[in-house]
PDB file of N, CA and C in Angstrom:
ATOM      1  N   MET A   1      -0.724   3.674 -10.426  1.00  0.00           N
ATOM      2  CA  MET A   1      -1.666   3.281 -10.090  1.00  0.00           C
ATOM      3  C   MET A   1      -1.401   2.291  -9.268  1.00  0.00           C
ATOM      4  N   PHE A   2      -1.936   1.575  -7.684  1.00  0.00           N
ATOM      5  CA  PHE A   2      -1.632   1.253  -6.675  1.00  0.00           C
ATOM      6  C   PHE A   2      -2.306   0.009  -6.202  1.00  0.00           C
ATOM      7  N   LEU A   3      -1.872  -0.962  -5.633  1.00  0.00           N
ATOM      8  CA  LEU A   3      -2.704  -2.118  -5.079  1.00  0.00           C
ATOM      9  C   LEU A   3      -2.266  -1.867  -3.078  1.00  0.00           C
ATOM     10  N   VAL A   4      -3.786  -1.909  -2.776  1.00  0.00           N
ATOM     11  CA  VAL A   4      -3.646  -2.163  -1.519  1.00  0.00           C
ATOM     12  C   VAL A   4      -4.315  -3.368  -0.839  1.00  0.00           C
ATOM     13  N   VAL A   5      -3.536  -4.159  -0.095  1.00  0.00           N
ATOM     14  CA  VAL A   5      -4.207  -5.727   0.113  1.00  0.00           C
ATOM     15  C   VAL A   5      -3.125  -5.477   1.584  1.00  0.00           C
ATOM     16  N   PRO A   6      -4.617  -6.523   2.206  1.00  0.00           N
ATOM     17  CA  PRO A   6      -3.605  -7.215   3.365  1.00  0.00           C
ATOM     18  C   PRO A   6      -2.942  -7.863   2.869  1.00  0.00           C
ATOM     19  N   ASP A   7      -1.861  -8.799   4.048  1.00  0.00           N
ATOM     20  CA  ASP A   7      -1.176  -9.874   3.743  1.00  0.00           C
ATOM     21  C   ASP A   7      -0.783 -10.549   4.802  1.00  0.00           C
ATOM     22  N   PRO A   8      -0.707 -12.150   4.118  1.00  0.00           N
ATOM     23  CA  PRO A   8      -0.366 -12.414   6.411  1.00  0.00           C
ATOM     24  C   PRO A   8       1.247 -12.328   6.406  1.00  0.00           C
ATOM     25  N   ALA A   9       2.154 -12.459   5.279  1.00  0.00           N
ATOM     26  CA  ALA A   9       3.433 -12.142   5.414  1.00  0.00           C
ATOM     27  C   ALA A   9       3.624 -11.004   6.050  1.00  0.00           C
ATOM     28  N   HIS A  10       3.370  -9.776   5.359  1.00  0.00           N
ATOM     29  CA  HIS A  10       4.384  -8.512   5.061  1.00  0.00           C
ATOM     30  C   HIS A  10       2.921  -7.851   5.535  1.00  0.00           C
ATOM     31  N   GLY A  11       2.020  -7.470   6.364  1.00  0.00           N
ATOM     32  CA  GLY A  11       1.124  -7.131   6.959  1.00  0.00           C
ATOM     33  C   GLY A  11       0.283  -5.798   5.735  1.00  0.00           C
ATOM     34  N   LEU A  12       0.321  -5.008   6.135  1.00  0.00           N
ATOM     35  CA  LEU A  12      -0.889  -3.996   5.270  1.00  0.00           C
ATOM     36  C   LEU A  12       0.668  -3.420   3.803  1.00  0.00           C
ATOM     37  N   VAL A  13      -0.030  -3.744   2.280  1.00  0.00           N
ATOM     38  CA  VAL A  13       0.840  -3.581   1.474  1.00  0.00           C
ATOM     39  C   VAL A  13       0.170  -2.889   0.263  1.00  0.00           C
ATOM     40  N   ALA A  14       1.021  -1.894  -0.147  1.00  0.00           N
ATOM     41  CA  ALA A  14       0.850  -1.011  -0.925  1.00  0.00           C
ATOM     42  C   ALA A  14       2.075  -0.715  -1.899  1.00  0.00           C
ATOM     43  N   ALA A  15       1.522  -1.327  -3.365  1.00  0.00           N
ATOM     44  CA  ALA A  15       2.240  -1.612  -4.049  1.00  0.00           C
ATOM     45  C   ALA A  15       1.763  -1.223  -5.369  1.00  0.00           C
ATOM     46  N   PRO A  16       2.869  -0.405  -5.692  1.00  0.00           N
ATOM     47  CA  PRO A  16       2.681   0.772  -6.860  1.00  0.00           C
ATOM     48  C   PRO A  16       2.937   0.071  -8.385  1.00  0.00           C
ATOM     49  N   GLN A  17       2.413   0.128  -9.495  1.00  0.00           N
ATOM     50  CA  GLN A  17       2.354  -0.731 -10.242  1.00  0.00           C
ATOM     51  C   GLN A  17       3.474  -0.306 -10.892  1.00  0.00           C
ATOM     52  N   SER A  18       4.556   0.701 -11.581  1.00  0.00           N
ATOM     53  CA  SER A  18       5.997   1.120 -11.830  1.00  0.00           C
ATOM     54  C   SER A  18       6.571   2.053 -10.971  1.00  0.00           C
ATOM     55  N   SER A  19       7.142   2.363 -11.259  1.00  0.00           N
ATOM     56  CA  SER A  19       8.214   3.690 -10.072  1.00  0.00           C
ATOM     57  C   SER A  19       7.503   4.786 -10.842  1.00  0.00           C
ATOM     58  N   ALA A  20       7.083   4.748 -12.058  1.00  0.00           N
ATOM     59  CA  ALA A  20       6.312   5.829 -11.963  1.00  0.00           C
ATOM     60  C   ALA A  20       5.613   7.004 -11.377  1.00  0.00           C
ATOM     61  N   ASP A  21       4.858   5.746 -10.169  1.00  0.00           N
ATOM     62  CA  ASP A  21       4.020   5.814  -9.330  1.00  0.00           C
ATOM     63  C   ASP A  21       4.731   6.204  -8.043  1.00  0.00           C
ATOM     64  N   LEU A  22       5.911   6.353  -7.781  1.00  0.00           N
ATOM     65  CA  LEU A  22       6.155   6.515  -6.739  1.00  0.00           C
ATOM     66  C   LEU A  22       6.740   8.301  -6.828  1.00  0.00           C
ATOM     67  N   THR A  23       5.866   9.136  -6.865  1.00  0.00           N
ATOM     68  CA  THR A  23       6.509  10.453  -6.462  1.00  0.00           C
ATOM     69  C   THR A  23       7.006  11.127  -4.862  1.00  0.00           C
ATOM     70  N   LEU A  24       7.197  12.150  -4.675  1.00  0.00           N
ATOM     71  CA  LEU A  24       8.280  12.662  -3.903  1.00  0.00           C
ATOM     72  C   LEU A  24       6.888  12.323  -2.648  1.00  0.00           C
ATOM     73  N   ALA A  25       5.645  13.432  -3.096  1.00  0.00           N
ATOM     74  CA  ALA A  25       4.887  13.715  -2.077  1.00  0.00           C
ATOM     75  C   ALA A  25       4.150  12.260  -1.638  1.00  0.00           C
ATOM     76  N   THR A  26       4.153  11.106  -2.431  1.00  0.00           N
ATOM     77  CA  THR A  26       3.424   9.542  -2.225  1.00  0.00           C
ATOM     78  C   THR A  26       4.364   8.784  -1.210  1.00  0.00           C
ATOM     79  N   GLU A  27       5.983   8.974  -1.611  1.00  0.00           N
ATOM     80  CA  GLU A  27       6.813   8.313  -0.539  1.00  0.00           C
ATOM     81  C   GLU A  27       6.435   9.078   0.151  1.00  0.00           C
ATOM     82  N   GLN A  28       6.481  10.198   0.157  1.00  0.00           N
ATOM     83  CA  GLN A  28       6.493  11.020   2.072  1.00  0.00           C
ATOM     84  C   GLN A  28       5.346  10.793   2.780  1.00  0.00           C
ATOM     85  N   SER A  29       4.260  10.861   2.360  1.00  0.00           N
ATOM     86  CA  SER A  29       2.711  10.115   2.574  1.00  0.00           C
ATOM     87  C   SER A  29       3.002   9.064   3.613  1.00  0.00           C
ATOM     88  N   LEU A  30       3.551   7.877   2.539  1.00  0.00           N
ATOM     89  CA  LEU A  30       3.263   7.045   2.975  1.00  0.00           C
ATOM     90  C   LEU A  30       4.409   6.504   4.206  1.00  0.00           C
ATOM     91  N   ALA A  31       5.749   7.251   3.814  1.00  0.00           N
ATOM     92  CA  ALA A  31       6.742   6.792   5.355  1.00  0.00           C
ATOM     93  C   ALA A  31       5.904   7.672   6.590  1.00  0.00           C
ATOM     94  N   ALA A  32       4.900   8.336   6.487  1.00  0.00           N
ATOM     95  CA  ALA A  32       4.425   9.200   7.361  1.00  0.00           C
ATOM     96  C   ALA A  32       3.162   8.531   7.868  1.00  0.00           C
ATOM     97  N   GLN A  33       2.970   7.420   7.040  1.00  0.00           N
ATOM     98  CA  GLN A  33       1.812   6.328   7.980  1.00  0.00           C
ATOM     99  C   GLN A  33       2.806   5.757   8.700  1.00  0.00           C
ATOM    100  N   GLY A  34       3.947   5.306   8.725  1.00  0.00           N
ATOM    101  CA  GLY A  34       4.281   4.223   8.763  1.00  0.00           C
ATOM    102  C   GLY A  34       4.795   3.027   7.802  1.00  0.00           C
ATOM    103  N   PHE A  35       4.535   2.939   6.740  1.00  0.00           N
ATOM    104  CA  PHE A  35       5.151   2.127   6.076  1.00  0.00           C
ATOM    105  C   PHE A  35       6.590   2.542   5.588  1.00  0.00           C
ATOM    106  N   ALA A  36       7.084   1.326   4.958  1.00  0.00           N
ATOM    107  CA  ALA A  36       8.555   1.016   4.500  1.00  0.00           C
ATOM    108  C   ALA A  36       8.530   0.445   3.442  1.00  0.00           C
ATOM    109  N   TRP A  37       9.638   0.679   2.638  1.00  0.00           N
ATOM    110  CA  TRP A  37       9.720   0.185   0.954  1.00  0.00           C
ATOM    111  C   TRP A  37      10.174  -1.284   1.566  1.00  0.00           C
ATOM    112  N   ASN A  38      10.092  -2.208   0.733  1.00  0.00           N
ATOM    113  CA  ASN A  38      10.400  -3.676   1.123  1.00  0.00           C
ATOM    114  C   ASN A  38      10.784  -4.077  -0.492  1.00  0.00           C
ATOM    115  N   ASN A  39      12.033  -4.070  -0.780  1.00  0.00           N
ATOM    116  CA  ASN A  39      13.006  -4.802  -2.183  1.00  0.00           C
ATOM    117  C   ASN A  39      12.530  -5.852  -2.140  1.00  0.00           C
ATOM    118  N   GLU A  40      12.036  -6.526  -1.594  1.00  0.00           N
ATOM    119  CA  GLU A  40      11.809  -7.998  -1.520  1.00  0.00           C
ATOM    120  C   GLU A  40      10.487  -8.365  -2.533  1.00  0.00           C
ATOM    121  N   ILE A  41       9.164  -7.823  -2.249  1.00  0.00           N
ATOM    122  CA  ILE A  41       8.017  -7.904  -2.636  1.00  0.00           C
ATOM    123  C   ILE A  41       7.886  -6.864  -3.707  1.00  0.00           C
ATOM    124  N   GLU A  42       8.926  -5.493  -3.572  1.00  0.00           N
ATOM    125  CA  GLU A  42       8.784  -3.764  -4.812  1.00  0.00           C
ATOM    126  C   GLU A  42       7.653  -3.368  -4.523  1.00  0.00           C
ATOM    127  N   ALA A  43       7.687  -3.268  -2.493  1.00  0.00           N
ATOM    128  CA  ALA A  43       6.180  -2.018  -2.537  1.00  0.00           C
ATOM    129  C   ALA A  43       6.190  -1.349  -1.321  1.00  0.00           C
ATOM    130  N   TYR A  44       5.003  -0.633  -0.617  1.00  0.00           N
ATOM    131  CA  TYR A  44       5.677  -0.258   0.726  1.00  0.00           C
ATOM    132  C   TYR A  44       4.646  -1.137   1.864  1.00  0.00           C
ATOM    133  N   THR A  45       5.395  -1.178   2.691  1.00  0.00           N
ATOM    134  CA  THR A  45       4.547  -2.787   4.219  1.00  0.00           C
ATOM    135  C   THR A  45       4.327  -1.756   5.118  1.00  0.00           C
ATOM    136  N   ARG A  46       3.323  -2.242   6.132  1.00  0.00           N
ATOM    137  CA  ARG A  46       3.348  -1.395   7.042  1.00  0.00           C
ATOM    138  C   ARG A  46       3.088  -3.015   8.090  1.00  0.00           C
ATOM    139  N   GLN A  47       3.957  -3.404   9.135  1.00  0.00           N
ATOM    140  CA  GLN A  47       3.199  -4.529   9.577  1.00  0.00           C
ATOM    141  C   GLN A  47       2.409  -4.342  10.716  1.00  0.00           C
ATOM    142  N   ALA A  48       1.957  -2.981  11.476  1.00  0.00           N
ATOM    143  CA  ALA A  48       1.487  -2.805  12.442  1.00  0.00           C
ATOM    144  C   ALA A  48      -0.402  -3.561  12.051  1.00  0.00           C
ATOM    145  N   ASP A  49      -0.643  -3.122  11.350  1.00  0.00           N
ATOM    146  CA  ASP A  49      -2.274  -3.366  10.881  1.00  0.00           C
ATOM    147  C   ASP A  49      -2.376  -3.571   9.635  1.00  0.00           C
ATOM    148  N   HIS A  50      -3.637  -4.593   9.456  1.00  0.00           N
ATOM    149  CA  HIS A  50      -3.705  -4.416   8.152  1.00  0.00           C
ATOM    150  C   HIS A  50      -5.560  -4.824   8.161  1.00  0.00           C
ATOM    151  N   ASP A  51      -6.186  -4.338   9.006  1.00  0.00           N
ATOM    152  CA  ASP A  51      -7.824  -4.465   9.147  1.00  0.00           C
ATOM    153  C   ASP A  51      -8.845  -4.157   7.609  1.00  0.00           C
ATOM    154  N   PRO A  52      -9.862  -3.790   7.724  1.00  0.00           N
ATOM    155  CA  PRO A  52     -10.128  -3.219   6.224  1.00  0.00           C
ATOM    156  C   PRO A  52     -10.166  -1.818   6.645  1.00  0.00           C
ATOM    157  N   ALA A  53     -10.353  -1.066   8.072  1.00  0.00           N
ATOM    158  CA  ALA A  53     -10.432   0.408   8.097  1.00  0.00           C
ATOM    159  C   ALA A  53      -9.119   0.714   7.545  1.00  0.00           C
ATOM    160  N   ALA A  54      -7.988  -0.260   7.762  1.00  0.00           N
ATOM    161  CA  ALA A  54      -6.610   0.471   7.474  1.00  0.00           C
ATOM    162  C   ALA A  54      -6.379   0.189   5.797  1.00  0.00           C
ATOM    163  N   VAL A  55      -6.449  -0.448   5.186  1.00  0.00           N
ATOM    164  CA  VAL A  55      -6.576  -0.783   3.696  1.00  0.00           C
ATOM    165  C   VAL A  55      -7.481   0.453   2.863  1.00  0.00           C
ATOM    166  N   ASP A  56      -8.900   0.843   3.708  1.00  0.00           N
ATOM    167  CA  ASP A  56      -9.694   2.023   3.175  1.00  0.00           C
ATOM    168  C   ASP A  56      -8.830   2.895   3.138  1.00  0.00           C
ATOM    169  N   ASP A  57      -8.145   3.765   4.295  1.00  0.00           N
ATOM    170  CA  ASP A  57      -7.455   4.795   4.947  1.00  0.00           C
ATOM    171  C   ASP A  57      -6.446   4.753   3.647  1.00  0.00           C
ATOM    172  N   THR A  58      -5.617   3.838   3.836  1.00  0.00           N
ATOM    173  CA  THR A  58      -4.713   4.336   2.579  1.00  0.00           C
ATOM    174  C   THR A  58      -4.857   3.915   1.670  1.00  0.00           C
ATOM    175  N   ALA A  59      -5.729   3.400   0.754  1.00  0.00           N
ATOM    176  CA  ALA A  59      -6.354   3.869  -0.143  1.00  0.00           C
ATOM    177  C   ALA A  59      -7.023   5.184  -0.705  1.00  0.00           C
ATOM    178  N   GLY A  60      -7.649   5.556   0.437  1.00  0.00           N
ATOM    179  CA  GLY A  60      -8.273   6.908   0.308  1.00  0.00           C
ATOM    180  C   GLY A  60      -7.136   8.224   0.225  1.00  0.00           C
ATOM    181  N   MET A  61      -6.000   7.833   1.002  1.00  0.00           N
ATOM    182  CA  MET A  61      -5.195   8.571   1.204  1.00  0.00           C
ATOM    183  C   MET A  61      -4.423   8.908  -0.316  1.00  0.00           C
ATOM    184  N   LEU A  62      -4.026   7.556  -0.867  1.00  0.00           N
ATOM    185  CA  LEU A  62      -3.602   7.790  -2.477  1.00  0.00           C
ATOM    186  C   LEU A  62      -4.642   8.104  -3.235  1.00  0.00           C
ATOM    187  N   ARG A  63      -5.817   8.002  -3.064  1.00  0.00           N
ATOM    188  CA  ARG A  63      -6.403   8.684  -4.308  1.00  0.00           C
ATOM    189  C   ARG A  63      -6.283   9.798  -4.408  1.00  0.00           C
ATOM    190  N   GLU A  64      -6.628  10.696  -2.813  1.00  0.00           N
ATOM    191  CA  GLU A  64      -6.294  12.092  -2.779  1.00  0.00           C
ATOM    192  C   GLU A  64      -4.930  12.571  -3.343  1.00  0.00           C
ATOM    193  N   LEU A  65      -3.723  11.791  -3.468  1.00  0.00           N
ATOM    194  CA  LEU A  65      -2.492  12.292  -4.101  1.00  0.00           C
ATOM    195  C   LEU A  65      -2.906  11.800  -5.717  1.00  0.00           C
ATOM    196  N   GLY A  66      -3.823  11.826  -6.245  1.00  0.00           N
ATOM    197  CA  GLY A  66      -4.159  11.244  -7.603  1.00  0.00           C
ATOM    198  C   GLY A  66      -3.675  10.323  -8.168  1.00  0.00           C
ATOM    199  N   HIS A  67      -3.609   9.013  -7.227  1.00  0.00           N
ATOM    200  CA  HIS A  67      -3.885   8.055  -8.189  1.00  0.00           C
ATOM    201  C   HIS A  67      -4.795   7.005  -7.992  1.00  0.00           C
ATOM    202  N   TYR A  68      -4.751   6.237  -9.036  1.00  0.00           N
ATOM    203  CA  TYR A  68      -5.760   5.006  -9.316  1.00  0.00           C
ATOM    204  C   TYR A  68      -5.743   3.834  -8.428  1.00  0.00           C
ATOM    205  N   VAL A  69      -6.245   3.589  -7.769  1.00  0.00           N
ATOM    206  CA  VAL A  69      -6.040   2.257  -6.804  1.00  0.00           C
ATOM    207  C   VAL A  69      -6.932   1.432  -6.880  1.00  0.00           C
ATOM    208  N   PHE A  70      -6.456  -0.047  -6.813  1.00  0.00           N
ATOM    209  CA  PHE A  70      -7.007  -1.150  -6.415  1.00  0.00           C
ATOM    210  C   PHE A  70      -7.184  -1.612  -5.130  1.00  0.00           C
ATOM    211  N   SER A  71      -8.399  -2.002  -4.246  1.00  0.00           N
ATOM    212  CA  SER A  71      -8.251  -2.728  -2.950  1.00  0.00           C
ATOM    213  C   SER A  71      -8.747  -3.567  -2.544  1.00  0.00           C
ATOM    214  N   ALA A  72      -8.782  -3.996  -1.584  1.00  0.00           N
ATOM    215  CA  ALA A  72      -9.204  -5.457  -0.821  1.00  0.00           C
ATOM    216  C   ALA A  72      -9.034  -5.593   0.404  1.00  0.00           C
ATOM    217  N   HIS A  73      -9.911  -6.089   0.960  1.00  0.00           N
ATOM    218  CA  HIS A  73     -10.187  -6.091   2.528  1.00  0.00           C
ATOM    219  C   HIS A  73      -9.818  -7.586   2.529  1.00  0.00           C
ATOM    220  N   ARG A  74      -9.237  -8.809   1.743  1.00  0.00           N
ATOM    221  CA  ARG A  74      -8.612  -9.920   2.242  1.00  0.00           C
ATOM    222  C   ARG A  74      -7.535 -10.088   0.920  1.00  0.00           C
ATOM    223  N   PRO A  75      -6.527 -11.070   1.553  1.00  0.00           N
ATOM    224  CA  PRO A  75      -5.265 -11.411   1.619  1.00  0.00           C
ATOM    225  C   PRO A  75      -5.154 -11.663  -0.127  1.00  0.00           C
ATOM    226  N   PRO A  76      -4.997 -11.933  -1.262  1.00  0.00           N
ATOM    227  CA  PRO A  76      -4.972 -12.453  -2.622  1.00  0.00           C
ATOM    228  C   PRO A  76      -4.565 -13.875  -1.770  1.00  0.00           C
ATOM    229  N   PRO A  77      -5.356 -14.933  -3.233  1.00  0.00           N
ATOM    230  CA  PRO A  77      -4.837 -16.333  -2.901  1.00  0.00           C
ATOM    231  C   PRO A  77      -3.582 -16.369  -3.362  1.00  0.00           C
ATOM    232  N   ARG A  78      -2.699 -17.150  -2.758  1.00  0.00           N
ATOM    233  CA  ARG A  78      -1.388 -17.937  -2.426  1.00  0.00           C
ATOM    234  C   ARG A  78      -1.294 -18.811  -3.630  1.00  0.00           C
ATOM    235  N   ARG A  79      -0.795 -18.990  -4.270  1.00  0.00           N
ATOM    236  CA  ARG A  79      -0.643 -19.916  -5.699  1.00  0.00           C
ATOM    237  C   ARG A  79       0.758 -21.495  -4.961  1.00  0.00           C
TER     238      ARG A  79
END
């Protein structure tokens, strides 16, 4: 399962629920789309864009790879 959301500090974030979600095909697909692993937040991030279309495209790609995906077009509220 993945969470795909925009984040003001990190750009577009694709966060796996667990390391079991990080299959080789998933990691390669995310890297091909310009994502890089961010150890600080334990998620893939891409600074370039985080508009609604990018959220939808990334969520769609992850779904095509067989993942369940939660996505939002707005950043999660800060605590």
